[in-house]
Amino acid sequence: YFPWSKCISGKQGKNPGFDPLKIMISVAHANGMKIEAWINPYR
């Protein structure tokens, strides 16, 4: 539904070559920490 964020790849729509959320979930859970996905709905 949404393009890749420029905040991770430097340009909106550009694939960074990895999935940040997948990595963040794996790291958080491996360290016994919960993780929530934060969205800004209208901006």
PDB file of all heavy atoms in Angstrom:
ATOM      1  N   TYR A   1       0.799  -1.222   0.000  1.00  0.00           N
ATOM      2  CA  TYR A   1       0.000   0.000   0.000  1.00  0.00           C
ATOM      3  C   TYR A   1       0.837   1.279   0.000  1.00  0.00           C
ATOM      4  O   TYR A   1       0.422   2.284  -0.569  1.00  0.00           O
ATOM      5  CB  TYR A   1      -0.922   0.025   1.230  1.00  0.00           C
ATOM      6  CG  TYR A   1      -1.887  -1.126   1.290  1.00  0.00           C
ATOM      7  CD1 TYR A   1      -1.718  -2.151   2.220  1.00  0.00           C
ATOM      8  CD2 TYR A   1      -2.972  -1.191   0.423  1.00  0.00           C
ATOM      9  CE1 TYR A   1      -2.606  -3.212   2.281  1.00  0.00           C
ATOM     10  CE2 TYR A   1      -3.866  -2.253   0.472  1.00  0.00           C
ATOM     11  CZ  TYR A   1      -3.674  -3.261   1.407  1.00  0.00           C
ATOM     12  OH  TYR A   1      -4.550  -4.318   1.454  1.00  0.00           O
ATOM     13  N   PHE A   2       1.981   1.248   0.650  1.00  0.00           N
ATOM     14  CA  PHE A   2       2.791   2.456   0.841  1.00  0.00           C
ATOM     15  C   PHE A   2       4.204   2.264   0.299  1.00  0.00           C
ATOM     16  O   PHE A   2       4.750   1.157   0.364  1.00  0.00           O
ATOM     17  CB  PHE A   2       2.860   2.820   2.327  1.00  0.00           C
ATOM     18  CG  PHE A   2       1.517   3.110   2.946  1.00  0.00           C
ATOM     19  CD1 PHE A   2       0.830   2.118   3.634  1.00  0.00           C
ATOM     20  CD2 PHE A   2       0.937   4.356   2.826  1.00  0.00           C
ATOM     21  CE1 PHE A   2      -0.414   2.381   4.207  1.00  0.00           C
ATOM     22  CE2 PHE A   2      -0.304   4.627   3.391  1.00  0.00           C
ATOM     23  CZ  PHE A   2      -0.983   3.635   4.084  1.00  0.00           C
ATOM     24  N   PRO A   3       4.830   3.327  -0.202  1.00  0.00           N
ATOM     25  CA  PRO A   3       6.195   3.223  -0.726  1.00  0.00           C
ATOM     26  C   PRO A   3       7.213   3.128   0.407  1.00  0.00           C
ATOM     27  O   PRO A   3       6.939   3.508   1.551  1.00  0.00           O
ATOM     28  CB  PRO A   3       6.367   4.536  -1.495  1.00  0.00           C
ATOM     29  CG  PRO A   3       5.493   5.503  -0.763  1.00  0.00           C
ATOM     30  CD  PRO A   3       4.292   4.707  -0.326  1.00  0.00           C
ATOM     31  N   TRP A   4       8.399   2.627   0.085  1.00  0.00           N
ATOM     32  CA  TRP A   4       9.486   2.615   1.059  1.00  0.00           C
ATOM     33  C   TRP A   4       9.767   4.046   1.532  1.00  0.00           C
ATOM     34  O   TRP A   4       9.707   4.997   0.765  1.00  0.00           O
ATOM     35  CB  TRP A   4      10.758   2.041   0.439  1.00  0.00           C
ATOM     36  CG  TRP A   4      10.765   0.553   0.295  1.00  0.00           C
ATOM     37  CD1 TRP A   4      10.600  -0.167  -0.853  1.00  0.00           C
ATOM     38  CD2 TRP A   4      10.956  -0.400   1.344  1.00  0.00           C
ATOM     39  NE1 TRP A   4      10.673  -1.515  -0.584  1.00  0.00           N
ATOM     40  CE2 TRP A   4      10.899  -1.697   0.757  1.00  0.00           C
ATOM     41  CE3 TRP A   4      11.185  -0.305   2.717  1.00  0.00           C
ATOM     42  CZ2 TRP A   4      11.051  -2.866   1.485  1.00  0.00           C
ATOM     43  CZ3 TRP A   4      11.335  -1.477   3.459  1.00  0.00           C
ATOM     44  CH2 TRP A   4      11.265  -2.734   2.843  1.00  0.00           C
ATOM     45  N   SER A   5      10.104   4.167   2.795  1.00  0.00           N
ATOM     46  CA  SER A   5      10.360   5.482   3.379  1.00  0.00           C
ATOM     47  C   SER A   5      11.744   6.009   3.001  1.00  0.00           C
ATOM     48  O   SER A   5      12.732   5.271   3.011  1.00  0.00           O
ATOM     49  CB  SER A   5      10.247   5.403   4.898  1.00  0.00           C
ATOM     50  OG  SER A   5      10.606   6.638   5.480  1.00  0.00           O
ATOM     51  N   LYS A   6      11.802   7.305   2.727  1.00  0.00           N
ATOM     52  CA  LYS A   6      13.091   7.935   2.460  1.00  0.00           C
ATOM     53  C   LYS A   6      13.964   7.948   3.712  1.00  0.00           C
ATOM     54  O   LYS A   6      15.189   8.071   3.621  1.00  0.00           O
ATOM     55  CB  LYS A   6      12.896   9.364   1.965  1.00  0.00           C
ATOM     56  CG  LYS A   6      12.332  10.324   2.998  1.00  0.00           C
ATOM     57  CD  LYS A   6      12.247  11.742   2.470  1.00  0.00           C
ATOM     58  CE  LYS A   6      11.718  12.705   3.527  1.00  0.00           C
ATOM     59  NZ  LYS A   6      11.638  14.100   3.035  1.00  0.00           N
ATOM     60  N   CYS A   7      13.353   7.809   4.875  1.00  0.00           N
ATOM     61  CA  CYS A   7      14.111   7.845   6.127  1.00  0.00           C
ATOM     62  C   CYS A   7      15.040   6.641   6.272  1.00  0.00           C
ATOM     63  O   CYS A   7      16.018   6.709   7.020  1.00  0.00           O
ATOM     64  CB  CYS A   7      13.159   7.910   7.328  1.00  0.00           C
ATOM     65  SG  CYS A   7      12.100   9.362   7.347  1.00  0.00           S
ATOM     66  N   ILE A   8      14.753   5.561   5.547  1.00  0.00           N
ATOM     67  CA  ILE A   8      15.614   4.386   5.631  1.00  0.00           C
ATOM     68  C   ILE A   8      16.467   4.207   4.380  1.00  0.00           C
ATOM     69  O   ILE A   8      17.585   3.689   4.448  1.00  0.00           O
ATOM     70  CB  ILE A   8      14.800   3.095   5.909  1.00  0.00           C
ATOM     71  CG1 ILE A   8      15.726   1.940   6.258  1.00  0.00           C
ATOM     72  CG2 ILE A   8      13.892   2.743   4.735  1.00  0.00           C
ATOM     73  CD1 ILE A   8      16.535   2.155   7.524  1.00  0.00           C
ATOM     74  N   SER A   9      15.984   4.684   3.233  1.00  0.00           N
ATOM     75  CA  SER A   9      16.735   4.464   1.990  1.00  0.00           C
ATOM     76  C   SER A   9      17.309   5.749   1.391  1.00  0.00           C
ATOM     77  O   SER A   9      18.121   5.692   0.468  1.00  0.00           O
ATOM     78  CB  SER A   9      15.837   3.788   0.947  1.00  0.00           C
ATOM     79  OG  SER A   9      14.786   4.657   0.559  1.00  0.00           O
ATOM     80  N   GLY A  10      16.877   6.899   1.904  1.00  0.00           N
ATOM     81  CA  GLY A  10      17.352   8.168   1.368  1.00  0.00           C
ATOM     82  C   GLY A  10      16.461   8.761   0.307  1.00  0.00           C
ATOM     83  O   GLY A  10      16.556   9.946  -0.004  1.00  0.00           O
ATOM     84  N   LYS A  11      15.550   7.963  -0.247  1.00  0.00           N
ATOM     85  CA  LYS A  11      14.627   8.435  -1.266  1.00  0.00           C
ATOM     86  C   LYS A  11      13.341   7.647  -1.163  1.00  0.00           C
ATOM     87  O   LYS A  11      13.358   6.418  -1.136  1.00  0.00           O
ATOM     88  CB  LYS A  11      15.237   8.265  -2.668  1.00  0.00           C
ATOM     89  CG  LYS A  11      14.344   8.765  -3.790  1.00  0.00           C
ATOM     90  CD  LYS A  11      15.011   8.572  -5.153  1.00  0.00           C
ATOM     91  CE  LYS A  11      14.119   9.069  -6.275  1.00  0.00           C
ATOM     92  NZ  LYS A  11      14.751   8.874  -7.611  1.00  0.00           N
ATOM     93  N   GLN A  12      12.220   8.361  -1.114  1.00  0.00           N
ATOM     94  CA  GLN A  12      10.949   7.655  -0.997  1.00  0.00           C
ATOM     95  C   GLN A  12      10.725   6.746  -2.200  1.00  0.00           C
ATOM     96  O   GLN A  12      10.918   7.146  -3.352  1.00  0.00           O
ATOM     97  CB  GLN A  12       9.781   8.644  -0.874  1.00  0.00           C
ATOM     98  CG  GLN A  12       8.475   7.955  -0.500  1.00  0.00           C
ATOM     99  CD  GLN A  12       7.321   8.920  -0.311  1.00  0.00           C
ATOM    100  OE1 GLN A  12       6.616   9.246  -1.261  1.00  0.00           O
ATOM    101  NE2 GLN A  12       7.127   9.367   0.931  1.00  0.00           N
ATOM    102  N   GLY A  13      10.339   5.511  -1.905  1.00  0.00           N
ATOM    103  CA  GLY A  13      10.093   4.528  -2.951  1.00  0.00           C
ATOM    104  C   GLY A  13      11.282   3.642  -3.261  1.00  0.00           C
ATOM    105  O   GLY A  13      11.148   2.613  -3.928  1.00  0.00           O
ATOM    106  N   LYS A  14      12.457   4.016  -2.758  1.00  0.00           N
ATOM    107  CA  LYS A  14      13.660   3.228  -3.011  1.00  0.00           C
ATOM    108  C   LYS A  14      13.777   2.097  -1.998  1.00  0.00           C
ATOM    109  O   LYS A  14      13.742   2.322  -0.792  1.00  0.00           O
ATOM    110  CB  LYS A  14      14.907   4.107  -2.936  1.00  0.00           C
ATOM    111  CG  LYS A  14      16.211   3.365  -3.196  1.00  0.00           C
ATOM    112  CD  LYS A  14      17.412   4.290  -3.059  1.00  0.00           C
ATOM    113  CE  LYS A  14      18.719   3.536  -3.260  1.00  0.00           C
ATOM    114  NZ  LYS A  14      19.899   4.422  -3.081  1.00  0.00           N
ATOM    115  N   ASN A  15      13.926   0.882  -2.480  1.00  0.00           N
ATOM    116  CA  ASN A  15      14.068  -0.294  -1.621  1.00  0.00           C
ATOM    117  C   ASN A  15      15.434  -0.252  -0.932  1.00  0.00           C
ATOM    118  O   ASN A  15      16.465  -0.184  -1.600  1.00  0.00           O
ATOM    119  CB  ASN A  15      13.945  -1.562  -2.472  1.00  0.00           C
ATOM    120  CG  ASN A  15      13.847  -2.824  -1.627  1.00  0.00           C
ATOM    121  OD1 ASN A  15      14.374  -2.894  -0.519  1.00  0.00           O
ATOM    122  ND2 ASN A  15      13.176  -3.833  -2.162  1.00  0.00           N
ATOM    123  N   PRO A  16      15.482  -0.315   0.389  1.00  0.00           N
ATOM    124  CA  PRO A  16      16.776  -0.262   1.078  1.00  0.00           C
ATOM    125  C   PRO A  16      17.574  -1.554   0.961  1.00  0.00           C
ATOM    126  O   PRO A  16      18.743  -1.600   1.354  1.00  0.00           O
ATOM    127  CB  PRO A  16      16.374   0.004   2.537  1.00  0.00           C
ATOM    128  CG  PRO A  16      15.025  -0.614   2.668  1.00  0.00           C
ATOM    129  CD  PRO A  16      14.357  -0.376   1.340  1.00  0.00           C
ATOM    130  N   GLY A  17      16.932  -2.611   0.457  1.00  0.00           N
ATOM    131  CA  GLY A  17      17.625  -3.888   0.306  1.00  0.00           C
ATOM    132  C   GLY A  17      17.457  -4.811   1.494  1.00  0.00           C
ATOM    133  O   GLY A  17      18.002  -5.920   1.520  1.00  0.00           O
ATOM    134  N   PHE A  18      16.699  -4.398   2.468  1.00  0.00           N
ATOM    135  CA  PHE A  18      16.397  -5.231   3.633  1.00  0.00           C
ATOM    136  C   PHE A  18      15.096  -4.725   4.245  1.00  0.00           C
ATOM    137  O   PHE A  18      14.601  -3.652   3.887  1.00  0.00           O
ATOM    138  CB  PHE A  18      17.532  -5.200   4.656  1.00  0.00           C
ATOM    139  CG  PHE A  18      17.850  -3.832   5.204  1.00  0.00           C
ATOM    140  CD1 PHE A  18      17.314  -3.389   6.405  1.00  0.00           C
ATOM    141  CD2 PHE A  18      18.711  -2.969   4.518  1.00  0.00           C
ATOM    142  CE1 PHE A  18      17.605  -2.133   6.905  1.00  0.00           C
ATOM    143  CE2 PHE A  18      19.011  -1.705   5.012  1.00  0.00           C
ATOM    144  CZ  PHE A  18      18.457  -1.281   6.208  1.00  0.00           C
ATOM    145  N   ASP A  19      14.534  -5.513   5.147  1.00  0.00           N
ATOM    146  CA  ASP A  19      13.260  -5.168   5.781  1.00  0.00           C
ATOM    147  C   ASP A  19      13.521  -4.708   7.217  1.00  0.00           C
ATOM    148  O   ASP A  19      13.720  -5.531   8.109  1.00  0.00           O
ATOM    149  CB  ASP A  19      12.331  -6.391   5.770  1.00  0.00           C
ATOM    150  CG  ASP A  19      10.915  -6.071   6.225  1.00  0.00           C
ATOM    151  OD1 ASP A  19      10.763  -5.198   7.101  1.00  0.00           O
ATOM    152  OD2 ASP A  19       9.967  -6.709   5.727  1.00  0.00           O
ATOM    153  N   PRO A  20      13.556  -3.404   7.468  1.00  0.00           N
ATOM    154  CA  PRO A  20      13.863  -2.912   8.808  1.00  0.00           C
ATOM    155  C   PRO A  20      12.932  -3.440   9.897  1.00  0.00           C
ATOM    156  O   PRO A  20      13.389  -3.805  10.980  1.00  0.00           O
ATOM    157  CB  PRO A  20      13.728  -1.394   8.661  1.00  0.00           C
ATOM    158  CG  PRO A  20      13.978  -1.133   7.229  1.00  0.00           C
ATOM    159  CD  PRO A  20      13.382  -2.297   6.509  1.00  0.00           C
ATOM    160  N   LEU A  21      11.629  -3.472   9.630  1.00  0.00           N
ATOM    161  CA  LEU A  21      10.696  -3.913  10.658  1.00  0.00           C
ATOM    162  C   LEU A  21      10.932  -5.378  11.030  1.00  0.00           C
ATOM    163  O   LEU A  21      10.907  -5.736  12.212  1.00  0.00           O
ATOM    164  CB  LEU A  21       9.246  -3.713  10.192  1.00  0.00           C
ATOM    165  CG  LEU A  21       8.170  -4.116  11.211  1.00  0.00           C
ATOM    166  CD1 LEU A  21       8.370  -3.424  12.543  1.00  0.00           C
ATOM    167  CD2 LEU A  21       6.772  -3.833  10.646  1.00  0.00           C
ATOM    168  N   LYS A  22      11.193  -6.205  10.049  1.00  0.00           N
ATOM    169  CA  LYS A  22      11.472  -7.611  10.321  1.00  0.00           C
ATOM    170  C   LYS A  22      12.694  -7.758  11.224  1.00  0.00           C
ATOM    171  O   LYS A  22      12.696  -8.552  12.181  1.00  0.00           O
ATOM    172  CB  LYS A  22      11.692  -8.360   8.999  1.00  0.00           C
ATOM    173  CG  LYS A  22      11.903  -9.863   9.161  1.00  0.00           C
ATOM    174  CD  LYS A  22      12.052 -10.525   7.797  1.00  0.00           C
ATOM    175  CE  LYS A  22      12.265 -12.037   7.945  1.00  0.00           C
ATOM    176  NZ  LYS A  22      12.411 -12.685   6.608  1.00  0.00           N
ATOM    177  N   ILE A  23      13.726  -7.004  10.937  1.00  0.00           N
ATOM    178  CA  ILE A  23      14.952  -7.052  11.745  1.00  0.00           C
ATOM    179  C   ILE A  23      14.678  -6.523  13.151  1.00  0.00           C
ATOM    180  O   ILE A  23      15.108  -7.126  14.152  1.00  0.00           O
ATOM    181  CB  ILE A  23      16.070  -6.235  11.070  1.00  0.00           C
ATOM    182  CG1 ILE A  23      16.518  -6.921   9.776  1.00  0.00           C
ATOM    183  CG2 ILE A  23      17.261  -6.051  12.025  1.00  0.00           C
ATOM    184  CD1 ILE A  23      17.478  -6.103   8.937  1.00  0.00           C
ATOM    185  N   MET A  24      13.949  -5.429  13.249  1.00  0.00           N
ATOM    186  CA  MET A  24      13.683  -4.834  14.558  1.00  0.00           C
ATOM    187  C   MET A  24      12.868  -5.769  15.450  1.00  0.00           C
ATOM    188  O   MET A  24      13.131  -5.889  16.652  1.00  0.00           O
ATOM    189  CB  MET A  24      12.975  -3.488  14.390  1.00  0.00           C
ATOM    190  CG  MET A  24      13.876  -2.416  13.795  1.00  0.00           C
ATOM    191  SD  MET A  24      13.167  -0.741  13.792  1.00  0.00           S
ATOM    192  CE  MET A  24      11.897  -0.900  12.539  1.00  0.00           C
ATOM    193  N   ILE A  25      11.901  -6.448  14.874  1.00  0.00           N
ATOM    194  CA  ILE A  25      11.098  -7.406  15.642  1.00  0.00           C
ATOM    195  C   ILE A  25      11.973  -8.540  16.144  1.00  0.00           C
ATOM    196  O   ILE A  25      11.900  -8.935  17.318  1.00  0.00           O
ATOM    197  CB  ILE A  25       9.940  -7.948  14.781  1.00  0.00           C
ATOM    198  CG1 ILE A  25       8.920  -6.842  14.502  1.00  0.00           C
ATOM    199  CG2 ILE A  25       9.257  -9.130  15.470  1.00  0.00           C
ATOM    200  CD1 ILE A  25       7.883  -7.211  13.464  1.00  0.00           C
ATOM    201  N   SER A  26      12.810  -9.071  15.269  1.00  0.00           N
ATOM    202  CA  SER A  26      13.691 -10.181  15.633  1.00  0.00           C
ATOM    203  C   SER A  26      14.632  -9.794  16.773  1.00  0.00           C
ATOM    204  O   SER A  26      14.795 -10.528  17.749  1.00  0.00           O
ATOM    205  CB  SER A  26      14.493 -10.621  14.407  1.00  0.00           C
ATOM    206  OG  SER A  26      15.436 -11.621  14.751  1.00  0.00           O
ATOM    207  N   VAL A  27      15.243  -8.620  16.665  1.00  0.00           N
ATOM    208  CA  VAL A  27      16.194  -8.162  17.679  1.00  0.00           C
ATOM    209  C   VAL A  27      15.482  -7.887  19.002  1.00  0.00           C
ATOM    210  O   VAL A  27      15.962  -8.282  20.076  1.00  0.00           O
ATOM    211  CB  VAL A  27      16.940  -6.910  17.194  1.00  0.00           C
ATOM    212  CG1 VAL A  27      17.754  -6.291  18.323  1.00  0.00           C
ATOM    213  CG2 VAL A  27      17.841  -7.247  16.014  1.00  0.00           C
ATOM    214  N   ALA A  28      14.353  -7.208  18.940  1.00  0.00           N
ATOM    215  CA  ALA A  28      13.617  -6.881  20.164  1.00  0.00           C
ATOM    216  C   ALA A  28      13.198  -8.147  20.904  1.00  0.00           C
ATOM    217  O   ALA A  28      13.449  -8.291  22.113  1.00  0.00           O
ATOM    218  CB  ALA A  28      12.392  -6.024  19.835  1.00  0.00           C
ATOM    219  N   HIS A  29      12.586  -9.068  20.215  1.00  0.00           N
ATOM    220  CA  HIS A  29      12.108 -10.290  20.861  1.00  0.00           C
ATOM    221  C   HIS A  29      13.257 -11.164  21.356  1.00  0.00           C
ATOM    222  O   HIS A  29      13.144 -11.809  22.411  1.00  0.00           O
ATOM    223  CB  HIS A  29      11.207 -11.066  19.903  1.00  0.00           C
ATOM    224  CG  HIS A  29       9.862 -10.423  19.709  1.00  0.00           C
ATOM    225  ND1 HIS A  29       8.981 -10.802  18.717  1.00  0.00           N
ATOM    226  CD2 HIS A  29       9.243  -9.426  20.396  1.00  0.00           C
ATOM    227  CE1 HIS A  29       7.880 -10.071  18.803  1.00  0.00           C
ATOM    228  NE2 HIS A  29       8.018  -9.226  19.804  1.00  0.00           N
ATOM    229  N   ALA A  30      14.358 -11.181  20.636  1.00  0.00           N
ATOM    230  CA  ALA A  30      15.525 -11.956  21.071  1.00  0.00           C
ATOM    231  C   ALA A  30      16.100 -11.417  22.374  1.00  0.00           C
ATOM    232  O   ALA A  30      16.744 -12.145  23.133  1.00  0.00           O
ATOM    233  CB  ALA A  30      16.596 -11.940  19.982  1.00  0.00           C
ATOM    234  N   ASN A  31      15.840 -10.152  22.639  1.00  0.00           N
ATOM    235  CA  ASN A  31      16.331  -9.515  23.864  1.00  0.00           C
ATOM    236  C   ASN A  31      15.238  -9.336  24.913  1.00  0.00           C
ATOM    237  O   ASN A  31      15.394  -8.563  25.860  1.00  0.00           O
ATOM    238  CB  ASN A  31      16.961  -8.168  23.529  1.00  0.00           C
ATOM    239  CG  ASN A  31      18.325  -8.307  22.880  1.00  0.00           C
ATOM    240  OD1 ASN A  31      19.342  -8.446  23.559  1.00  0.00           O
ATOM    241  ND2 ASN A  31      18.359  -8.306  21.553  1.00  0.00           N
ATOM    242  N   GLY A  32      14.129 -10.051  24.732  1.00  0.00           N
ATOM    243  CA  GLY A  32      13.064 -10.021  25.721  1.00  0.00           C
ATOM    244  C   GLY A  32      12.303  -8.721  25.796  1.00  0.00           C
ATOM    245  O   GLY A  32      11.770  -8.353  26.844  1.00  0.00           O
ATOM    246  N   MET A  33      12.242  -7.994  24.681  1.00  0.00           N
ATOM    247  CA  MET A  33      11.556  -6.706  24.662  1.00  0.00           C
ATOM    248  C   MET A  33      10.396  -6.734  23.683  1.00  0.00           C
ATOM    249  O   MET A  33      10.514  -7.277  22.589  1.00  0.00           O
ATOM    250  CB  MET A  33      12.532  -5.586  24.280  1.00  0.00           C
ATOM    251  CG  MET A  33      11.921  -4.191  24.325  1.00  0.00           C
ATOM    252  SD  MET A  33      13.147  -2.875  24.062  1.00  0.00           S
ATOM    253  CE  MET A  33      13.960  -2.850  25.657  1.00  0.00           C
ATOM    254  N   LYS A  34       9.267  -6.165  24.072  1.00  0.00           N
ATOM    255  CA  LYS A  34       8.134  -6.046  23.167  1.00  0.00           C
ATOM    256  C   LYS A  34       8.387  -4.912  22.180  1.00  0.00           C
ATOM    257  O   LYS A  34       9.205  -4.031  22.424  1.00  0.00           O
ATOM    258  CB  LYS A  34       6.845  -5.795  23.953  1.00  0.00           C
ATOM    259  CG  LYS A  34       6.381  -6.993  24.773  1.00  0.00           C
ATOM    260  CD  LYS A  34       5.029  -6.734  25.421  1.00  0.00           C
ATOM    261  CE  LYS A  34       4.550  -7.982  26.149  1.00  0.00           C
ATOM    262  NZ  LYS A  34       3.201  -7.779  26.755  1.00  0.00           N
ATOM    263  N   ILE A  35       7.645  -4.960  21.079  1.00  0.00           N
ATOM    264  CA  ILE A  35       7.835  -3.946  20.043  1.00  0.00           C
ATOM    265  C   ILE A  35       6.487  -3.560  19.447  1.00  0.00           C
ATOM    266  O   ILE A  35       5.657  -4.421  19.144  1.00  0.00           O
ATOM    267  CB  ILE A  35       8.816  -4.432  18.949  1.00  0.00           C
ATOM    268  CG1 ILE A  35       9.065  -3.335  17.910  1.00  0.00           C
ATOM    269  CG2 ILE A  35       8.338  -5.725  18.306  1.00  0.00           C
ATOM    270  CD1 ILE A  35      10.223  -3.652  16.967  1.00  0.00           C
ATOM    271  N   GLU A  36       6.265  -2.256  19.312  1.00  0.00           N
ATOM    272  CA  GLU A  36       5.038  -1.741  18.723  1.00  0.00           C
ATOM    273  C   GLU A  36       5.364  -0.958  17.458  1.00  0.00           C
ATOM    274  O   GLU A  36       6.380  -0.254  17.401  1.00  0.00           O
ATOM    275  CB  GLU A  36       4.296  -0.845  19.719  1.00  0.00           C
ATOM    276  CG  GLU A  36       3.850  -1.587  20.976  1.00  0.00           C
ATOM    277  CD  GLU A  36       3.034  -0.714  21.913  1.00  0.00           C
ATOM    278  OE1 GLU A  36       2.647   0.412  21.514  1.00  0.00           O
ATOM    279  OE2 GLU A  36       2.778  -1.154  23.054  1.00  0.00           O
ATOM    280  N   ALA A  37       4.494  -1.079  16.459  1.00  0.00           N
ATOM    281  CA  ALA A  37       4.661  -0.368  15.193  1.00  0.00           C
ATOM    282  C   ALA A  37       3.899   0.949  15.258  1.00  0.00           C
ATOM    283  O   ALA A  37       2.684   0.973  15.453  1.00  0.00           O
ATOM    284  CB  ALA A  37       4.153  -1.227  14.038  1.00  0.00           C
ATOM    285  N   TRP A  38       4.622   2.032  15.068  1.00  0.00           N
ATOM    286  CA  TRP A  38       4.088   3.390  15.234  1.00  0.00           C
ATOM    287  C   TRP A  38       3.803   4.009  13.873  1.00  0.00           C
ATOM    288  O   TRP A  38       4.680   4.100  13.024  1.00  0.00           O
ATOM    289  CB  TRP A  38       5.115   4.185  16.020  1.00  0.00           C
ATOM    290  CG  TRP A  38       5.027   5.666  16.074  1.00  0.00           C
ATOM    291  CD1 TRP A  38       3.968   6.473  15.781  1.00  0.00           C
ATOM    292  CD2 TRP A  38       6.094   6.544  16.470  1.00  0.00           C
ATOM    293  NE1 TRP A  38       4.297   7.794  15.969  1.00  0.00           N
ATOM    294  CE2 TRP A  38       5.590   7.861  16.400  1.00  0.00           C
ATOM    295  CE3 TRP A  38       7.410   6.336  16.895  1.00  0.00           C
ATOM    296  CZ2 TRP A  38       6.375   8.964  16.724  1.00  0.00           C
ATOM    297  CZ3 TRP A  38       8.174   7.437  17.219  1.00  0.00           C
ATOM    298  CH2 TRP A  38       7.663   8.735  17.139  1.00  0.00           C
ATOM    299  N   ILE A  39       2.559   4.430  13.681  1.00  0.00           N
ATOM    300  CA  ILE A  39       2.168   5.051  12.413  1.00  0.00           C
ATOM    301  C   ILE A  39       1.584   6.439  12.645  1.00  0.00           C
ATOM    302  O   ILE A  39       0.986   6.720  13.684  1.00  0.00           O
ATOM    303  CB  ILE A  39       1.145   4.195  11.632  1.00  0.00           C
ATOM    304  CG1 ILE A  39      -0.200   4.149  12.365  1.00  0.00           C
ATOM    305  CG2 ILE A  39       1.672   2.784  11.389  1.00  0.00           C
ATOM    306  CD1 ILE A  39      -1.328   3.551  11.551  1.00  0.00           C
ATOM    307  N   ASN A  40       1.790   7.315  11.673  1.00  0.00           N
ATOM    308  CA  ASN A  40       1.080   8.593  11.612  1.00  0.00           C
ATOM    309  C   ASN A  40       0.019   8.440  10.522  1.00  0.00           C
ATOM    310  O   ASN A  40       0.370   8.329   9.345  1.00  0.00           O
ATOM    311  CB  ASN A  40       2.033   9.733  11.276  1.00  0.00           C
ATOM    312  CG  ASN A  40       3.044   9.987  12.369  1.00  0.00           C
ATOM    313  OD1 ASN A  40       4.223   9.730  12.217  1.00  0.00           O
ATOM    314  ND2 ASN A  40       2.578  10.481  13.505  1.00  0.00           N
ATOM    315  N   PRO A  41      -1.240   8.391  10.871  1.00  0.00           N
ATOM    316  CA  PRO A  41      -2.260   8.028   9.885  1.00  0.00           C
ATOM    317  C   PRO A  41      -2.488   9.024   8.762  1.00  0.00           C
ATOM    318  O   PRO A  41      -2.608   8.633   7.595  1.00  0.00           O
ATOM    319  CB  PRO A  41      -3.523   7.865  10.747  1.00  0.00           C
ATOM    320  CG  PRO A  41      -3.278   8.689  11.968  1.00  0.00           C
ATOM    321  CD  PRO A  41      -1.799   8.597  12.214  1.00  0.00           C
ATOM    322  N   TYR A  42      -2.558  10.314   9.081  1.00  0.00           N
ATOM    323  CA  TYR A  42      -2.967  11.299   8.086  1.00  0.00           C
ATOM    324  C   TYR A  42      -1.819  12.066   7.435  1.00  0.00           C
ATOM    325  O   TYR A  42      -1.989  12.636   6.352  1.00  0.00           O
ATOM    326  CB  TYR A  42      -3.919  12.319   8.720  1.00  0.00           C
ATOM    327  CG  TYR A  42      -5.231  11.744   9.213  1.00  0.00           C
ATOM    328  CD1 TYR A  42      -5.700  12.045  10.492  1.00  0.00           C
ATOM    329  CD2 TYR A  42      -6.012  10.915   8.410  1.00  0.00           C
ATOM    330  CE1 TYR A  42      -6.913  11.542  10.960  1.00  0.00           C
ATOM    331  CE2 TYR A  42      -7.217  10.408   8.861  1.00  0.00           C
ATOM    332  CZ  TYR A  42      -7.662  10.714  10.143  1.00  0.00           C
ATOM    333  OH  TYR A  42      -8.857  10.215  10.598  1.00  0.00           O
ATOM    334  N   ARG A  43      -0.667  12.117   8.069  1.00  0.00           N
ATOM    335  CA  ARG A  43       0.423  12.950   7.548  1.00  0.00           C
ATOM    336  C   ARG A  43       1.049  12.338   6.286  1.00  0.00           C
ATOM    337  O   ARG A  43       1.466  11.183   6.285  1.00  0.00           O
ATOM    338  CB  ARG A  43       1.494  13.125   8.632  1.00  0.00           C
ATOM    339  CG  ARG A  43       2.587  14.088   8.250  1.00  0.00           C
ATOM    340  CD  ARG A  43       3.488  14.391   9.435  1.00  0.00           C
ATOM    341  NE  ARG A  43       4.236  13.228   9.914  1.00  0.00           N
ATOM    342  CZ  ARG A  43       4.996  13.222  10.997  1.00  0.00           C
ATOM    343  NH1 ARG A  43       5.094  14.312  11.735  1.00  0.00           N
ATOM    344  NH2 ARG A  43       5.645  12.135  11.355  1.00  0.00           N
TER     345      ARG A  43
END
